Amino acid sequence: MNAKGSVFKYPDNVDTDVIIPARHLNTQDAKELASHCMEDIDKDFVKKVKDGDIMVGGWNFGCGSSREHAPLCIKTAGISVVIAKSFARIFYRNSINIGLPIMECPEAVDAINAGDTVSVDFDTGVITDETNGKVFHAEPFPPFIQEIISAGGLMKSIKAKQQ
């Protein structure tokens, strides 16, 4: 699996209420949720994001509540991977459960700028900032997690195995 896209970059401690404000949680519709993704921190995000783009964050990305709505709206908005210095553990697990690839790589976060073009090889963990030419190495997911993400999430992976 690979990803390539333009970067949207955010600071440390971006919590789930910033990713998807609680006032919009009256729906389970993923597209409706995605239409409000990041609106309290980046009003232009939903207007500018394209399928395959990449989100970069600082320490403790996804802290706050345990809702799966946060990674779901990021994925549905078109983000192909989130790269951060660290993730809140429940956000990390929820991301895998819904099939959103996430990678921890503090060095990459420090060097990558908003608007850069970045490519990611999920099998090797190689992150390449094609804008500045720098290459970074994150820990790749083990095969069983790559399988979950490739299937589109945990439930889809389980259903595929049952067929």
Protein backbone atom coordinates (compact mmCIF):
# COMPACT_ATOMS: atom_id res chain seq x y z
CA MET A 1 0.00 0.00 0.00
CA ASN A 2 1.16 3.49 -0.80
CA ALA A 3 -0.09 7.04 -0.41
CA LYS A 4 0.87 10.33 -2.01
CA GLY A 5 -0.64 13.74 -1.49
CA SER A 6 -0.41 17.31 -0.31
CA VAL A 7 0.08 17.98 3.38
CA PHE A 8 -2.27 19.63 5.85
CA LYS A 9 -0.26 20.27 9.01
CA TYR A 10 -1.54 20.82 12.55
CA PRO A 11 0.03 21.46 15.99
CA ASP A 12 0.33 19.36 19.17
CA ASN A 13 -2.73 18.21 21.11
CA VAL A 14 -5.32 18.34 18.33
CA ASP A 15 -8.24 16.76 20.12
CA THR A 16 -11.27 14.92 18.79
CA ASP A 17 -13.50 17.94 19.46
CA VAL A 18 -11.33 19.95 17.05
CA ILE A 19 -11.30 17.15 14.47
CA ILE A 20 -15.09 16.87 14.54
CA PRO A 21 -16.88 19.37 16.80
CA ALA A 22 -19.42 17.77 19.14
CA ARG A 23 -22.20 20.01 17.80
CA HIS A 24 -22.12 17.92 14.59
CA LEU A 25 -22.37 14.52 16.24
CA ASN A 26 -26.12 14.28 15.73
CA THR A 27 -25.52 12.17 12.61
CA GLN A 28 -23.81 8.90 11.77
CA ASP A 29 -23.51 9.89 8.10
CA ALA A 30 -19.78 9.82 7.33
CA LYS A 31 -20.03 12.35 4.49
CA GLU A 32 -21.93 14.81 6.68
CA LEU A 33 -19.33 14.39 9.43
CA ALA A 34 -16.50 14.90 6.90
CA SER A 35 -18.07 18.15 5.75
CA HIS A 36 -17.24 19.56 9.21
CA CYS A 37 -13.80 18.00 9.62
CA MET A 38 -11.23 20.37 11.21
CA GLU A 39 -13.56 23.36 10.81
CA ASP A 40 -12.72 24.85 14.22
CA ILE A 41 -8.97 24.87 13.52
CA ASP A 42 -8.89 25.16 9.71
CA LYS A 43 -12.03 26.58 8.10
CA ASP A 44 -10.69 25.95 4.58
CA PHE A 45 -9.73 22.29 5.13
CA VAL A 46 -12.90 20.75 3.67
CA LYS A 47 -12.76 23.10 0.68
CA LYS A 48 -9.12 22.30 -0.13
CA VAL A 49 -8.64 18.64 0.79
CA LYS A 50 -8.45 16.15 -2.08
CA ASP A 51 -8.59 12.37 -2.06
CA GLY A 52 -5.18 11.03 -1.13
CA ASP A 53 -3.97 14.09 0.78
CA ILE A 54 -1.96 13.64 3.96
CA MET A 55 -2.51 15.04 7.45
CA VAL A 56 0.48 15.76 9.68
CA GLY A 57 0.17 16.51 13.39
CA GLY A 58 2.30 17.02 16.47
CA TRP A 59 2.33 15.22 19.81
CA ASN A 60 -0.81 13.59 21.22
CA PHE A 61 -2.87 13.84 18.01
CA GLY A 62 -6.48 12.75 18.57
CA CYS A 63 -6.56 13.26 22.32
CA GLY A 64 -9.89 13.81 24.02
CA SER A 65 -12.96 11.64 23.75
CA SER A 66 -13.03 8.09 22.49
CA ARG A 67 -15.42 8.64 19.61
CA GLU A 68 -14.73 6.87 16.31
CA HIS A 69 -16.25 9.84 14.50
CA ALA A 70 -12.87 11.65 14.52
CA PRO A 71 -10.82 9.20 12.42
CA LEU A 72 -13.91 8.40 10.34
CA CYS A 73 -14.42 12.01 9.27
CA ILE A 74 -10.69 12.39 8.48
CA LYS A 75 -10.78 9.28 6.29
CA THR A 76 -14.05 10.23 4.61
CA ALA A 77 -12.74 13.74 3.89
CA GLY A 78 -10.11 12.08 1.69
CA ILE A 79 -7.02 11.87 3.90
CA SER A 80 -4.97 8.79 3.01
CA VAL A 81 -2.72 8.74 6.10
CA VAL A 82 -2.10 10.73 9.27
CA ILE A 83 1.53 11.16 10.31
CA ALA A 84 2.11 12.53 13.81
CA LYS A 85 4.73 12.70 16.53
CA SER A 86 2.40 10.61 18.70
CA PHE A 87 -1.25 9.62 18.90
CA ALA A 88 -3.67 9.31 21.76
CA ARG A 89 -3.99 5.55 22.22
CA ILE A 90 -7.75 5.34 21.70
CA PHE A 91 -7.52 7.46 18.53
CA TYR A 92 -4.75 5.15 17.32
CA ARG A 93 -6.91 2.07 17.83
CA ASN A 94 -10.06 3.69 16.42
CA SER A 95 -8.11 4.66 13.30
CA ILE A 96 -7.08 1.07 12.68
CA ASN A 97 -10.63 -0.12 13.41
CA ILE A 98 -12.07 2.11 10.66
CA GLY A 99 -9.17 1.58 8.22
CA LEU A 100 -7.37 4.94 8.49
CA PRO A 101 -3.59 4.46 8.23
CA ILE A 102 -1.59 6.34 10.87
CA MET A 103 2.15 6.54 11.42
CA GLU A 104 4.31 7.95 14.20
CA CYS A 105 7.47 9.73 13.03
CA PRO A 106 8.54 12.85 14.95
CA GLU A 107 11.44 13.56 12.59
CA ALA A 108 9.15 13.64 9.57
CA VAL A 109 6.68 15.93 11.34
CA ASP A 110 9.48 18.38 12.16
CA ALA A 111 10.71 18.52 8.53
CA ILE A 112 7.44 18.41 6.59
CA ASN A 113 5.63 21.68 5.90
CA ALA A 114 2.01 22.38 5.02
CA GLY A 115 1.56 22.12 1.26
CA ASP A 116 4.51 19.77 0.72
CA THR A 117 3.97 16.69 -1.44
CA VAL A 118 4.65 13.56 0.59
CA SER A 119 4.61 9.89 -0.34
CA VAL A 120 4.35 6.97 2.06
CA ASP A 121 5.18 3.30 1.56
CA PHE A 122 3.17 1.46 4.19
CA ASP A 123 5.02 -1.83 3.67
CA THR A 124 8.43 -0.36 4.50
CA GLY A 125 7.44 2.64 6.63
CA VAL A 126 9.35 5.00 4.32
CA ILE A 127 8.00 8.57 4.27
CA THR A 128 9.40 10.80 1.53
CA ASP A 129 8.91 14.55 1.44
CA GLU A 130 9.09 15.00 -2.31
CA THR A 131 9.19 18.76 -1.91
CA ASN A 132 12.41 18.91 0.11
CA GLY A 133 13.82 15.47 -0.81
CA LYS A 134 14.10 14.22 2.78
CA VAL A 135 13.37 10.59 3.60
CA PHE A 136 12.20 9.28 6.96
CA HIS A 137 11.56 5.85 8.43
CA ALA A 138 8.51 5.06 10.54
CA GLU A 139 7.68 1.68 11.97
CA PRO A 140 5.54 -0.12 9.38
CA PHE A 141 2.39 -1.85 10.53
CA PRO A 142 2.65 -5.60 11.03
CA PRO A 143 0.93 -7.65 8.31
CA PHE A 144 -2.25 -8.29 10.32
CA ILE A 145 -2.84 -4.55 10.82
CA GLN A 146 -2.02 -3.83 7.17
CA GLU A 147 -4.66 -6.43 6.32
CA ILE A 148 -7.26 -4.65 8.49
CA ILE A 149 -6.45 -1.28 6.93
CA SER A 150 -6.45 -2.69 3.38
CA ALA A 151 -9.88 -4.22 3.98
CA GLY A 152 -11.23 -0.83 5.05
CA GLY A 153 -11.37 -1.53 8.77
CA LEU A 154 -11.74 -4.26 11.36
CA MET A 155 -15.35 -5.24 10.66
CA LYS A 156 -14.78 -5.41 6.91
CA SER A 157 -11.67 -7.52 7.51
CA ILE A 158 -13.63 -9.95 9.70
CA LYS A 159 -16.46 -10.19 7.15
CA ALA A 160 -13.98 -10.87 4.34
CA LYS A 161 -12.44 -13.73 6.32
CA GLN A 162 -15.87 -15.26 6.93
CA GLN A 163 -16.69 -15.46 3.24
